[in-house]
Amino acid sequence: MGAVDLPVLREVIEYIDHRRPVSATIGDQPLLPGPIVDAVRDRAALGTDFLKLGLFPDGDLEGTLSALAPQIQQGSALIAVLFADLNPDVRVLPQLARAGFTGVMLDR
């Protein structure tokens, strides 16, 4: 889940120039509103089409989802990444859908 540096992401997005969608991960962030919202906002501001963020088992899922609501309302397409090796609780799927996530990815 390593994040690409913002200047490199900007360069890629400019090069692609809307010919194809661009996705990027926000990197390994703790499941806390502040770091996740900052990382999503920075990448969304560059024009990233899909933003992938890891949902690690420890942290504040409720607070993070609430804090992400403005980004989702502004059109950020968020993809939640669940980690198979961490035995994810798939009961969060309806909650992610209600929050406005575009999709979910299972990483192994």
C-alpha atoms as a PDB file:
ATOM      1  CA  MET A   1       0.000   0.000   0.000  1.00  0.00           C
ATOM      2  CA  GLY A   2       2.903   2.347  -0.573  1.00  0.00           C
ATOM      3  CA  ALA A   3       1.916   5.826  -1.658  1.00  0.00           C
ATOM      4  CA  VAL A   4       3.494   7.472  -4.669  1.00  0.00           C
ATOM      5  CA  ASP A   5       5.031  10.871  -3.951  1.00  0.00           C
ATOM      6  CA  LEU A   6       2.668  13.728  -4.767  1.00  0.00           C
ATOM      7  CA  PRO A   7       4.947  15.340  -7.394  1.00  0.00           C
ATOM      8  CA  VAL A   8       5.210  12.002  -9.221  1.00  0.00           C
ATOM      9  CA  LEU A   9       1.437  11.495  -9.014  1.00  0.00           C
ATOM     10  CA  ARG A  10       0.890  15.007 -10.392  1.00  0.00           C
ATOM     11  CA  GLU A  11       3.208  14.231 -13.300  1.00  0.00           C
ATOM     12  CA  VAL A  12       1.386  10.971 -14.078  1.00  0.00           C
ATOM     13  CA  ILE A  13      -2.025  12.645 -13.960  1.00  0.00           C
ATOM     14  CA  GLU A  14      -0.847  15.429 -16.265  1.00  0.00           C
ATOM     15  CA  TYR A  15       0.670  12.901 -18.662  1.00  0.00           C
ATOM     16  CA  ILE A  16      -2.508  10.762 -18.763  1.00  0.00           C
ATOM     17  CA  ASP A  17      -4.550  13.951 -19.301  1.00  0.00           C
ATOM     18  CA  HIS A  18      -7.948  12.277 -18.721  1.00  0.00           C
ATOM     19  CA  ARG A  19      -7.344   9.637 -21.414  1.00  0.00           C
ATOM     20  CA  ARG A  20      -7.659   6.939 -18.742  1.00  0.00           C
ATOM     21  CA  PRO A  21      -8.637   6.912 -15.072  1.00  0.00           C
ATOM     22  CA  VAL A  22      -5.830   7.152 -12.538  1.00  0.00           C
ATOM     23  CA  SER A  23      -5.926   5.410  -9.181  1.00  0.00           C
ATOM     24  CA  ALA A  24      -3.569   5.890  -6.274  1.00  0.00           C
ATOM     25  CA  THR A  25      -3.250   4.605  -2.753  1.00  0.00           C
ATOM     26  CA  ILE A  26      -2.882   6.946   0.183  1.00  0.00           C
ATOM     27  CA  GLY A  27      -0.249   4.633   1.661  1.00  0.00           C
ATOM     28  CA  ASP A  28      -0.181   2.927   5.023  1.00  0.00           C
ATOM     29  CA  GLN A  29      -2.079   5.328   7.246  1.00  0.00           C
ATOM     30  CA  PRO A  30      -3.465   4.641  10.694  1.00  0.00           C
ATOM     31  CA  LEU A  31      -7.250   4.391  10.681  1.00  0.00           C
ATOM     32  CA  LEU A  32      -7.650   7.873  12.116  1.00  0.00           C
ATOM     33  CA  PRO A  33      -9.569  10.771  10.586  1.00  0.00           C
ATOM     34  CA  GLY A  34      -6.738  13.314  10.425  1.00  0.00           C
ATOM     35  CA  PRO A  35      -4.058  11.425   8.502  1.00  0.00           C
ATOM     36  CA  ILE A  36      -6.530   9.724   6.165  1.00  0.00           C
ATOM     37  CA  VAL A  37      -8.491  12.864   5.306  1.00  0.00           C
ATOM     38  CA  ASP A  38      -5.263  14.794   4.684  1.00  0.00           C
ATOM     39  CA  ALA A  39      -3.900  12.080   2.393  1.00  0.00           C
ATOM     40  CA  VAL A  40      -7.198  11.753   0.488  1.00  0.00           C
ATOM     41  CA  ARG A  41      -7.563  15.524   0.116  1.00  0.00           C
ATOM     42  CA  ASP A  42      -3.998  15.939  -1.193  1.00  0.00           C
ATOM     43  CA  ARG A  43      -4.440  13.254  -3.851  1.00  0.00           C
ATOM     44  CA  ALA A  44      -7.973  14.271  -4.813  1.00  0.00           C
ATOM     45  CA  ALA A  45      -6.771  17.851  -5.357  1.00  0.00           C
ATOM     46  CA  LEU A  46      -4.430  16.541  -8.059  1.00  0.00           C
ATOM     47  CA  GLY A  47      -7.324  14.967  -9.950  1.00  0.00           C
ATOM     48  CA  THR A  48      -6.853  11.325  -8.962  1.00  0.00           C
ATOM     49  CA  ASP A  49      -9.891   9.390 -10.172  1.00  0.00           C
ATOM     50  CA  PHE A  50      -9.861   6.578  -7.602  1.00  0.00           C
ATOM     51  CA  LEU A  51      -8.310   6.761  -4.145  1.00  0.00           C
ATOM     52  CA  LYS A  52      -7.514   3.511  -2.352  1.00  0.00           C
ATOM     53  CA  LEU A  53      -7.206   3.472   1.414  1.00  0.00           C
ATOM     54  CA  GLY A  54      -6.408   0.574   3.667  1.00  0.00           C
ATOM     55  CA  LEU A  55      -8.804  -0.236   6.472  1.00  0.00           C
ATOM     56  CA  PHE A  56      -6.545  -1.633   9.129  1.00  0.00           C
ATOM     57  CA  PRO A  57      -8.290  -3.390  12.024  1.00  0.00           C
ATOM     58  CA  ASP A  58      -7.332  -0.928  14.772  1.00  0.00           C
ATOM     59  CA  GLY A  59      -8.457   2.656  14.749  1.00  0.00           C
ATOM     60  CA  ASP A  60     -11.507   4.859  14.449  1.00  0.00           C
ATOM     61  CA  LEU A  61     -13.589   3.605  11.524  1.00  0.00           C
ATOM     62  CA  GLU A  62     -16.707   5.615  12.451  1.00  0.00           C
ATOM     63  CA  GLY A  63     -14.797   8.860  12.911  1.00  0.00           C
ATOM     64  CA  THR A  64     -12.820   8.317   9.732  1.00  0.00           C
ATOM     65  CA  LEU A  65     -15.927   7.638   7.648  1.00  0.00           C
ATOM     66  CA  SER A  66     -17.612  10.745   9.048  1.00  0.00           C
ATOM     67  CA  ALA A  67     -14.541  12.857   8.352  1.00  0.00           C
ATOM     68  CA  LEU A  68     -14.378  11.567   4.763  1.00  0.00           C
ATOM     69  CA  ALA A  69     -17.984  12.551   4.005  1.00  0.00           C
ATOM     70  CA  PRO A  70     -17.065  15.996   2.581  1.00  0.00           C
ATOM     71  CA  GLN A  71     -14.501  14.437   0.238  1.00  0.00           C
ATOM     72  CA  ILE A  72     -17.050  11.910  -0.974  1.00  0.00           C
ATOM     73  CA  GLN A  73     -19.629  14.667  -1.449  1.00  0.00           C
ATOM     74  CA  GLN A  74     -17.080  16.565  -3.548  1.00  0.00           C
ATOM     75  CA  GLY A  75     -16.815  13.562  -5.841  1.00  0.00           C
ATOM     76  CA  SER A  76     -13.827  11.622  -4.523  1.00  0.00           C
ATOM     77  CA  ALA A  77     -14.195   7.966  -5.536  1.00  0.00           C
ATOM     78  CA  LEU A  78     -12.881   6.000  -2.570  1.00  0.00           C
ATOM     79  CA  ILE A  79     -11.950   2.337  -2.669  1.00  0.00           C
ATOM     80  CA  ALA A  80     -11.633   0.614   0.705  1.00  0.00           C
ATOM     81  CA  VAL A  81      -8.848  -1.949   0.847  1.00  0.00           C
ATOM     82  CA  LEU A  82      -9.344  -4.892   3.183  1.00  0.00           C
ATOM     83  CA  PHE A  83      -6.417  -7.183   3.922  1.00  0.00           C
ATOM     84  CA  ALA A  84      -7.089 -10.913   3.624  1.00  0.00           C
ATOM     85  CA  ASP A  85      -4.179 -11.819   5.881  1.00  0.00           C
ATOM     86  CA  LEU A  86      -5.669  -9.674   8.670  1.00  0.00           C
ATOM     87  CA  ASN A  87      -8.970 -11.593   8.588  1.00  0.00           C
ATOM     88  CA  PRO A  88     -11.143  -8.565   7.751  1.00  0.00           C
ATOM     89  CA  ASP A  89     -14.626  -8.165   9.116  1.00  0.00           C
ATOM     90  CA  VAL A  90     -16.755  -8.083   5.974  1.00  0.00           C
ATOM     91  CA  ARG A  91     -19.707  -6.880   8.030  1.00  0.00           C
ATOM     92  CA  VAL A  92     -18.329  -3.364   7.387  1.00  0.00           C
ATOM     93  CA  LEU A  93     -19.323  -3.583   3.700  1.00  0.00           C
ATOM     94  CA  PRO A  94     -22.836  -2.125   4.135  1.00  0.00           C
ATOM     95  CA  GLN A  95     -21.385   0.645   6.293  1.00  0.00           C
ATOM     96  CA  LEU A  96     -18.873   1.513   3.551  1.00  0.00           C
ATOM     97  CA  ALA A  97     -21.647   1.534   0.960  1.00  0.00           C
ATOM     98  CA  ARG A  98     -23.769   3.865   3.117  1.00  0.00           C
ATOM     99  CA  ALA A  99     -20.747   6.136   3.553  1.00  0.00           C
ATOM    100  CA  GLY A 100     -20.500   6.471  -0.222  1.00  0.00           C
ATOM    101  CA  PHE A 101     -17.451   4.358  -1.038  1.00  0.00           C
ATOM    102  CA  THR A 102     -17.195   3.477  -4.726  1.00  0.00           C
ATOM    103  CA  GLY A 103     -15.834   0.010  -4.100  1.00  0.00           C
ATOM    104  CA  VAL A 104     -13.918  -2.442  -1.956  1.00  0.00           C
ATOM    105  CA  MET A 105     -10.749  -4.335  -2.786  1.00  0.00           C
ATOM    106  CA  LEU A 106      -9.466  -7.433  -1.032  1.00  0.00           C
ATOM    107  CA  ASP A 107      -5.679  -7.479  -0.894  1.00  0.00           C
ATOM    108  CA  ARG A 108      -3.865 -10.668  -0.051  1.00  0.00           C
END
